[in-house]
Amino acid sequence: MTDARGHLTPGGAAAGEAAGIARWLTVHDDLLRGLAHAVSNRLATVSAMAGMLEGGGALDPRFVRGLQGDAEQLEGLLQTLRMLPRREESGVEPMLVSDAADAARRLVEHHPALRDVTIQVEALNDVMPVLADATALAHAIAVSLLGAARRMGTTRALTVTLATAGDDVQIRTQATDALSGDDADDAIDRAAIDWLLARSHGRADTSAPGCGISVTTLQASRRRT
């Protein structure tokens, strides 16, 4: 399925796509479990507070603020859960890559492997808008983040860098103290990204270490149509 450098070979394209789809389904299930765990924790806290209210009496303002805070966190988790489904009917639209990167960060922060990891998004220059499916791009960046997480050393930190390079916006994810990784795993991540971005003018970037992503800018996409 892969050559000596870990890239998918033409003869293994179909098998590579199947492996990529399987990788995304695994990532999706892990994300769902992590978010469900976070929702369960918040519901347990709200339930405990509701039990305290049954006692009646004056309410401490700090108690009320705590309850409001938990309600806001639950609303945020609900919004993140809504980003998980992949919708076949979704179309592409002009969007900012930074929005997708922020959405991906919210998705993975509850992943079992990333709950204690700091994720920073940085723009290296004037990042141009792109024409893409916003959900699919967030999913692709989430796959890339988890790929970078496999290379984390003792420093639990990841960086997402965004930069316009010609007709593309390049998205790079890397660990602060990256270790060597598995080229076969990287190839499967790239297959997942290619599948996710098939309709979004995007693709895995094999020129980048690990699992980079390139998305055609809005201007270039319109020029090519």
C-alpha atoms as a PDB file:
ATOM      1  CA  MET A   1       0.000   0.000   0.000  1.00  0.00           C
ATOM      2  CA  THR A   2       2.955   2.350   0.614  1.00  0.00           C
ATOM      3  CA  ASP A   3       6.404   2.828  -0.841  1.00  0.00           C
ATOM      4  CA  ALA A   4       9.660   3.003   1.094  1.00  0.00           C
ATOM      5  CA  ARG A   5       8.944   6.608   2.115  1.00  0.00           C
ATOM      6  CA  GLY A   6       5.483   5.802   3.424  1.00  0.00           C
ATOM      7  CA  HIS A   7       3.555   7.340   0.494  1.00  0.00           C
ATOM      8  CA  LEU A   8       0.560   5.510  -0.970  1.00  0.00           C
ATOM      9  CA  THR A   9       1.377   3.759  -4.237  1.00  0.00           C
ATOM     10  CA  PRO A  10      -0.967   4.023  -7.263  1.00  0.00           C
ATOM     11  CA  GLY A  11      -1.793   0.315  -7.041  1.00  0.00           C
ATOM     12  CA  GLY A  12      -2.809   0.745  -3.435  1.00  0.00           C
ATOM     13  CA  ALA A  13      -5.062   3.758  -4.009  1.00  0.00           C
ATOM     14  CA  ALA A  14      -8.323   1.911  -3.322  1.00  0.00           C
ATOM     15  CA  ALA A  15      -6.897   0.182  -0.267  1.00  0.00           C
ATOM     16  CA  GLY A  16      -5.424   3.491   0.837  1.00  0.00           C
ATOM     17  CA  GLU A  17      -8.792   5.244   0.609  1.00  0.00           C
ATOM     18  CA  ALA A  18     -10.414   2.451   2.608  1.00  0.00           C
ATOM     19  CA  ALA A  19      -7.698   2.751   5.249  1.00  0.00           C
ATOM     20  CA  GLY A  20      -8.184   6.527   5.322  1.00  0.00           C
ATOM     21  CA  ILE A  21     -11.936   6.185   5.829  1.00  0.00           C
ATOM     22  CA  ALA A  22     -11.322   3.660   8.600  1.00  0.00           C
ATOM     23  CA  ARG A  23      -8.858   6.082  10.237  1.00  0.00           C
ATOM     24  CA  TRP A  24     -11.433   8.880  10.234  1.00  0.00           C
ATOM     25  CA  LEU A  25     -14.111   6.589  11.695  1.00  0.00           C
ATOM     26  CA  THR A  26     -11.724   5.649  14.502  1.00  0.00           C
ATOM     27  CA  VAL A  27     -10.918   9.313  15.158  1.00  0.00           C
ATOM     28  CA  HIS A  28     -14.637  10.179  15.034  1.00  0.00           C
ATOM     29  CA  ASP A  29     -15.519   7.503  17.613  1.00  0.00           C
ATOM     30  CA  ASP A  30     -12.708   8.615  19.941  1.00  0.00           C
ATOM     31  CA  LEU A  31     -13.862  12.235  19.665  1.00  0.00           C
ATOM     32  CA  LEU A  32     -17.463  11.214  20.347  1.00  0.00           C
ATOM     33  CA  ARG A  33     -16.458   9.249  23.442  1.00  0.00           C
ATOM     34  CA  GLY A  34     -14.392  12.156  24.730  1.00  0.00           C
ATOM     35  CA  LEU A  35     -17.195  14.671  24.222  1.00  0.00           C
ATOM     36  CA  ALA A  36     -19.752  12.308  25.776  1.00  0.00           C
ATOM     37  CA  HIS A  37     -17.495  11.988  28.824  1.00  0.00           C
ATOM     38  CA  ALA A  38     -17.266  15.795  29.117  1.00  0.00           C
ATOM     39  CA  VAL A  39     -21.056  16.164  28.799  1.00  0.00           C
ATOM     40  CA  SER A  40     -21.566  13.480  31.443  1.00  0.00           C
ATOM     41  CA  ASN A  41     -19.286  15.330  33.865  1.00  0.00           C
ATOM     42  CA  ARG A  42     -21.115  18.613  33.369  1.00  0.00           C
ATOM     43  CA  LEU A  43     -24.523  16.950  33.767  1.00  0.00           C
ATOM     44  CA  ALA A  44     -23.394  15.325  37.003  1.00  0.00           C
ATOM     45  CA  THR A  45     -22.392  18.741  38.362  1.00  0.00           C
ATOM     46  CA  VAL A  46     -25.711  20.327  37.331  1.00  0.00           C
ATOM     47  CA  SER A  47     -27.613  17.422  38.847  1.00  0.00           C
ATOM     48  CA  ALA A  48     -25.762  17.821  42.144  1.00  0.00           C
ATOM     49  CA  MET A  49     -26.523  21.544  42.177  1.00  0.00           C
ATOM     50  CA  ALA A  50     -30.192  20.840  41.426  1.00  0.00           C
ATOM     51  CA  GLY A  51     -30.268  18.547  44.435  1.00  0.00           C
ATOM     52  CA  MET A  52     -28.909  21.329  46.632  1.00  0.00           C
ATOM     53  CA  LEU A  53     -31.663  23.646  45.409  1.00  0.00           C
ATOM     54  CA  GLU A  54     -34.305  21.306  46.781  1.00  0.00           C
ATOM     55  CA  GLY A  55     -33.262  22.320  50.285  1.00  0.00           C
ATOM     56  CA  GLY A  56     -34.631  25.820  49.677  1.00  0.00           C
ATOM     57  CA  GLY A  57     -33.284  28.900  51.443  1.00  0.00           C
ATOM     58  CA  ALA A  58     -31.255  31.808  50.099  1.00  0.00           C
ATOM     59  CA  LEU A  59     -28.933  31.117  47.193  1.00  0.00           C
ATOM     60  CA  ASP A  60     -25.292  32.074  47.389  1.00  0.00           C
ATOM     61  CA  PRO A  61     -24.444  34.219  44.315  1.00  0.00           C
ATOM     62  CA  ARG A  62     -21.361  32.066  43.783  1.00  0.00           C
ATOM     63  CA  PHE A  63     -23.616  29.022  43.498  1.00  0.00           C
ATOM     64  CA  VAL A  64     -25.732  30.746  40.859  1.00  0.00           C
ATOM     65  CA  ARG A  65     -22.644  31.808  38.887  1.00  0.00           C
ATOM     66  CA  GLY A  66     -21.333  28.245  39.038  1.00  0.00           C
ATOM     67  CA  LEU A  67     -24.610  26.888  37.708  1.00  0.00           C
ATOM     68  CA  GLN A  68     -24.605  29.452  34.904  1.00  0.00           C
ATOM     69  CA  GLY A  69     -21.029  28.512  34.063  1.00  0.00           C
ATOM     70  CA  ASP A  70     -21.895  24.833  33.801  1.00  0.00           C
ATOM     71  CA  ALA A  71     -24.879  25.657  31.598  1.00  0.00           C
ATOM     72  CA  GLU A  72     -22.595  27.670  29.284  1.00  0.00           C
ATOM     73  CA  GLN A  73     -20.095  24.799  29.130  1.00  0.00           C
ATOM     74  CA  LEU A  74     -22.876  22.381  28.246  1.00  0.00           C
ATOM     75  CA  GLU A  75     -23.994  24.716  25.443  1.00  0.00           C
ATOM     76  CA  GLY A  76     -20.414  24.841  24.146  1.00  0.00           C
ATOM     77  CA  LEU A  77     -20.130  21.046  24.248  1.00  0.00           C
ATOM     78  CA  LEU A  78     -23.431  20.743  22.378  1.00  0.00           C
ATOM     79  CA  GLN A  79     -22.136  23.058  19.650  1.00  0.00           C
ATOM     80  CA  THR A  80     -18.945  20.979  19.399  1.00  0.00           C
ATOM     81  CA  LEU A  81     -20.947  17.744  19.172  1.00  0.00           C
ATOM     82  CA  ARG A  82     -22.828  19.240  16.230  1.00  0.00           C
ATOM     83  CA  MET A  83     -19.511  19.524  14.364  1.00  0.00           C
ATOM     84  CA  LEU A  84     -18.913  15.763  14.435  1.00  0.00           C
ATOM     85  CA  PRO A  85     -21.326  14.485  11.729  1.00  0.00           C
ATOM     86  CA  ARG A  86     -19.963  14.450   8.188  1.00  0.00           C
ATOM     87  CA  ARG A  87     -22.721  15.615   5.857  1.00  0.00           C
ATOM     88  CA  GLU A  88     -22.546  14.351   2.299  1.00  0.00           C
ATOM     89  CA  GLU A  89     -24.893  17.100   1.116  1.00  0.00           C
ATOM     90  CA  SER A  90     -22.751  19.910   2.512  1.00  0.00           C
ATOM     91  CA  GLY A  91     -21.425  22.308  -0.110  1.00  0.00           C
ATOM     92  CA  VAL A  92     -18.300  24.421  -0.200  1.00  0.00           C
ATOM     93  CA  GLU A  93     -18.373  28.067   0.788  1.00  0.00           C
ATOM     94  CA  PRO A  94     -15.921  30.935   1.280  1.00  0.00           C
ATOM     95  CA  MET A  95     -14.374  30.618   4.732  1.00  0.00           C
ATOM     96  CA  LEU A  96     -11.363  31.396   6.878  1.00  0.00           C
ATOM     97  CA  VAL A  97      -8.964  28.550   7.629  1.00  0.00           C
ATOM     98  CA  SER A  98      -8.447  29.979  11.129  1.00  0.00           C
ATOM     99  CA  ASP A  99     -12.124  29.236  11.874  1.00  0.00           C
ATOM    100  CA  ALA A 100     -11.639  25.594  10.893  1.00  0.00           C
ATOM    101  CA  ALA A 101      -8.450  25.393  12.970  1.00  0.00           C
ATOM    102  CA  ASP A 102     -10.277  26.749  16.024  1.00  0.00           C
ATOM    103  CA  ALA A 103     -13.115  24.259  15.455  1.00  0.00           C
ATOM    104  CA  ALA A 104     -10.605  21.402  15.205  1.00  0.00           C
ATOM    105  CA  ARG A 105      -8.973  22.528  18.429  1.00  0.00           C
ATOM    106  CA  ARG A 106     -12.345  22.435  20.198  1.00  0.00           C
ATOM    107  CA  LEU A 107     -13.014  18.983  18.777  1.00  0.00           C
ATOM    108  CA  VAL A 108      -9.761  17.390  19.908  1.00  0.00           C
ATOM    109  CA  GLU A 109      -9.389  19.020  23.321  1.00  0.00           C
ATOM    110  CA  HIS A 110     -11.636  16.312  24.797  1.00  0.00           C
ATOM    111  CA  HIS A 111      -9.894  13.452  22.960  1.00  0.00           C
ATOM    112  CA  PRO A 112      -8.433  10.975  25.498  1.00  0.00           C
ATOM    113  CA  ALA A 113      -4.912  11.527  24.131  1.00  0.00           C
ATOM    114  CA  LEU A 114      -5.094  15.336  24.115  1.00  0.00           C
ATOM    115  CA  ARG A 115      -6.982  16.427  27.250  1.00  0.00           C
ATOM    116  CA  ASP A 116      -3.842  17.868  28.857  1.00  0.00           C
ATOM    117  CA  VAL A 117      -2.247  19.177  25.637  1.00  0.00           C
ATOM    118  CA  THR A 118      -1.867  22.872  24.802  1.00  0.00           C
ATOM    119  CA  ILE A 119      -2.768  23.700  21.196  1.00  0.00           C
ATOM    120  CA  GLN A 120      -1.782  27.035  19.684  1.00  0.00           C
ATOM    121  CA  VAL A 121      -2.885  28.364  16.278  1.00  0.00           C
ATOM    122  CA  GLU A 122      -0.533  30.829  14.561  1.00  0.00           C
ATOM    123  CA  ALA A 123      -0.849  32.743  11.278  1.00  0.00           C
ATOM    124  CA  LEU A 124       2.561  33.265   9.654  1.00  0.00           C
ATOM    125  CA  ASN A 125       1.333  35.811   7.117  1.00  0.00           C
ATOM    126  CA  ASP A 126      -1.873  37.171   5.604  1.00  0.00           C
ATOM    127  CA  VAL A 127      -3.892  33.950   5.364  1.00  0.00           C
ATOM    128  CA  MET A 128      -6.269  34.155   2.414  1.00  0.00           C
ATOM    129  CA  PRO A 129      -9.871  32.839   2.486  1.00  0.00           C
ATOM    130  CA  VAL A 130     -10.528  29.446   0.897  1.00  0.00           C
ATOM    131  CA  LEU A 131     -13.491  27.704  -0.738  1.00  0.00           C
ATOM    132  CA  ALA A 132     -14.199  24.586   1.330  1.00  0.00           C
ATOM    133  CA  ASP A 133     -16.627  22.553   3.400  1.00  0.00           C
ATOM    134  CA  ALA A 134     -16.006  24.047   6.844  1.00  0.00           C
ATOM    135  CA  THR A 135     -16.823  20.837   8.722  1.00  0.00           C
ATOM    136  CA  ALA A 136     -14.670  18.661   6.465  1.00  0.00           C
ATOM    137  CA  LEU A 137     -11.702  21.013   6.858  1.00  0.00           C
ATOM    138  CA  ALA A 138     -12.086  21.008  10.663  1.00  0.00           C
ATOM    139  CA  HIS A 139     -12.168  17.197  10.583  1.00  0.00           C
ATOM    140  CA  ALA A 140      -9.038  17.079   8.405  1.00  0.00           C
ATOM    141  CA  ILE A 141      -7.145  19.389  10.764  1.00  0.00           C
ATOM    142  CA  ALA A 142      -8.269  17.217  13.699  1.00  0.00           C
ATOM    143  CA  VAL A 143      -6.744  14.171  11.972  1.00  0.00           C
ATOM    144  CA  SER A 144      -3.535  16.140  11.402  1.00  0.00           C
ATOM    145  CA  LEU A 145      -3.425  17.228  15.056  1.00  0.00           C
ATOM    146  CA  LEU A 146      -3.775  13.661  16.275  1.00  0.00           C
ATOM    147  CA  GLY A 147      -1.030  12.622  13.874  1.00  0.00           C
ATOM    148  CA  ALA A 148       1.253  15.298  15.314  1.00  0.00           C
ATOM    149  CA  ALA A 149       0.311  14.162  18.828  1.00  0.00           C
ATOM    150  CA  ARG A 150       1.835  10.745  18.118  1.00  0.00           C
ATOM    151  CA  ARG A 151       5.194  12.501  17.891  1.00  0.00           C
ATOM    152  CA  MET A 152       4.922  14.464  21.146  1.00  0.00           C
ATOM    153  CA  GLY A 153       7.800  14.193  23.575  1.00  0.00           C
ATOM    154  CA  THR A 154       7.682  15.322  27.190  1.00  0.00           C
ATOM    155  CA  THR A 155       6.360  18.785  26.262  1.00  0.00           C
ATOM    156  CA  ARG A 156       2.610  18.350  25.826  1.00  0.00           C
ATOM    157  CA  ALA A 157       2.098  21.084  23.243  1.00  0.00           C
ATOM    158  CA  LEU A 158       1.076  21.283  19.606  1.00  0.00           C
ATOM    159  CA  THR A 159       1.185  24.178  17.158  1.00  0.00           C
ATOM    160  CA  VAL A 160      -0.984  24.734  14.083  1.00  0.00           C
ATOM    161  CA  THR A 161       0.621  27.182  11.639  1.00  0.00           C
ATOM    162  CA  LEU A 162      -1.304  28.769   8.777  1.00  0.00           C
ATOM    163  CA  ALA A 163       0.312  30.496   5.821  1.00  0.00           C
ATOM    164  CA  THR A 164      -0.565  31.523   2.274  1.00  0.00           C
ATOM    165  CA  ALA A 165       1.901  30.153  -0.287  1.00  0.00           C
ATOM    166  CA  GLY A 166       1.007  31.040  -3.861  1.00  0.00           C
ATOM    167  CA  ASP A 167      -2.422  29.615  -4.701  1.00  0.00           C
ATOM    168  CA  ASP A 168      -2.637  27.567  -1.499  1.00  0.00           C
ATOM    169  CA  VAL A 169      -3.101  28.004   2.205  1.00  0.00           C
ATOM    170  CA  GLN A 170      -0.761  25.607   3.974  1.00  0.00           C
ATOM    171  CA  ILE A 171      -1.698  24.115   7.335  1.00  0.00           C
ATOM    172  CA  ARG A 172       1.083  22.562   9.396  1.00  0.00           C
ATOM    173  CA  THR A 173       0.656  20.762  12.720  1.00  0.00           C
ATOM    174  CA  GLN A 174       3.655  19.857  14.813  1.00  0.00           C
ATOM    175  CA  ALA A 175       4.665  18.977  18.339  1.00  0.00           C
ATOM    176  CA  THR A 176       6.894  21.406  20.220  1.00  0.00           C
ATOM    177  CA  ASP A 177       9.473  18.653  20.754  1.00  0.00           C
ATOM    178  CA  ALA A 178       8.644  16.319  17.884  1.00  0.00           C
ATOM    179  CA  LEU A 179      10.026  12.788  17.901  1.00  0.00           C
ATOM    180  CA  SER A 180      10.432  10.520  14.887  1.00  0.00           C
ATOM    181  CA  GLY A 181       7.184   8.960  13.696  1.00  0.00           C
ATOM    182  CA  ASP A 182       5.766   6.086  11.663  1.00  0.00           C
ATOM    183  CA  ASP A 183       5.571   6.799   7.910  1.00  0.00           C
ATOM    184  CA  ALA A 184       2.854   4.152   7.486  1.00  0.00           C
ATOM    185  CA  ASP A 185       0.637   5.930  10.029  1.00  0.00           C
ATOM    186  CA  ASP A 186       1.307   9.242   8.279  1.00  0.00           C
ATOM    187  CA  ALA A 187       0.227   7.711   4.949  1.00  0.00           C
ATOM    188  CA  ILE A 188      -3.081   6.582   6.462  1.00  0.00           C
ATOM    189  CA  ASP A 189      -3.627  10.053   7.937  1.00  0.00           C
ATOM    190  CA  ARG A 190      -2.985  11.577   4.514  1.00  0.00           C
ATOM    191  CA  ALA A 191      -5.490   9.169   2.941  1.00  0.00           C
ATOM    192  CA  ALA A 192      -8.084  10.232   5.523  1.00  0.00           C
ATOM    193  CA  ILE A 193      -7.420  13.909   4.812  1.00  0.00           C
ATOM    194  CA  ASP A 194      -7.651  13.412   1.047  1.00  0.00           C
ATOM    195  CA  TRP A 195     -10.995  11.639   1.487  1.00  0.00           C
ATOM    196  CA  LEU A 196     -12.360  14.285   3.836  1.00  0.00           C
ATOM    197  CA  LEU A 197     -11.313  17.140   1.533  1.00  0.00           C
ATOM    198  CA  ALA A 198     -12.285  15.526  -1.787  1.00  0.00           C
ATOM    199  CA  ARG A 199     -14.894  18.252  -2.415  1.00  0.00           C
ATOM    200  CA  SER A 200     -13.078  21.092  -0.666  1.00  0.00           C
ATOM    201  CA  HIS A 201     -10.221  22.012  -3.012  1.00  0.00           C
ATOM    202  CA  GLY A 202      -7.855  20.545  -0.417  1.00  0.00           C
ATOM    203  CA  ARG A 203      -5.447  17.655  -0.019  1.00  0.00           C
ATOM    204  CA  ALA A 204      -2.782  16.204   2.215  1.00  0.00           C
ATOM    205  CA  ASP A 205       0.585  17.810   1.574  1.00  0.00           C
ATOM    206  CA  THR A 206       3.203  15.114   1.090  1.00  0.00           C
ATOM    207  CA  SER A 207       5.982  17.719   0.947  1.00  0.00           C
ATOM    208  CA  ALA A 208       5.454  18.534   4.622  1.00  0.00           C
ATOM    209  CA  PRO A 209       6.818  16.427   7.467  1.00  0.00           C
ATOM    210  CA  GLY A 210       4.173  14.379   9.212  1.00  0.00           C
ATOM    211  CA  CYS A 211       0.755  15.325   7.937  1.00  0.00           C
ATOM    212  CA  GLY A 212       0.419  18.762   6.377  1.00  0.00           C
ATOM    213  CA  ILE A 213      -2.620  20.087   4.498  1.00  0.00           C
ATOM    214  CA  SER A 214      -2.936  22.412   1.511  1.00  0.00           C
ATOM    215  CA  VAL A 215      -6.197  24.136   0.549  1.00  0.00           C
ATOM    216  CA  THR A 216      -6.616  26.200  -2.605  1.00  0.00           C
ATOM    217  CA  THR A 217      -7.352  29.862  -1.940  1.00  0.00           C
ATOM    218  CA  LEU A 218     -10.766  31.268  -2.785  1.00  0.00           C
ATOM    219  CA  GLN A 219      -9.282  33.481  -5.486  1.00  0.00           C
ATOM    220  CA  ALA A 220      -7.439  30.598  -7.157  1.00  0.00           C
ATOM    221  CA  SER A 221     -10.490  28.296  -6.921  1.00  0.00           C
ATOM    222  CA  ARG A 222     -12.647  30.841  -8.718  1.00  0.00           C
ATOM    223  CA  ARG A 223      -9.979  31.460 -11.327  1.00  0.00           C
ATOM    224  CA  ARG A 224      -9.822  27.736 -12.151  1.00  0.00           C
ATOM    225  CA  THR A 225     -13.596  27.305 -12.577  1.00  0.00           C
END
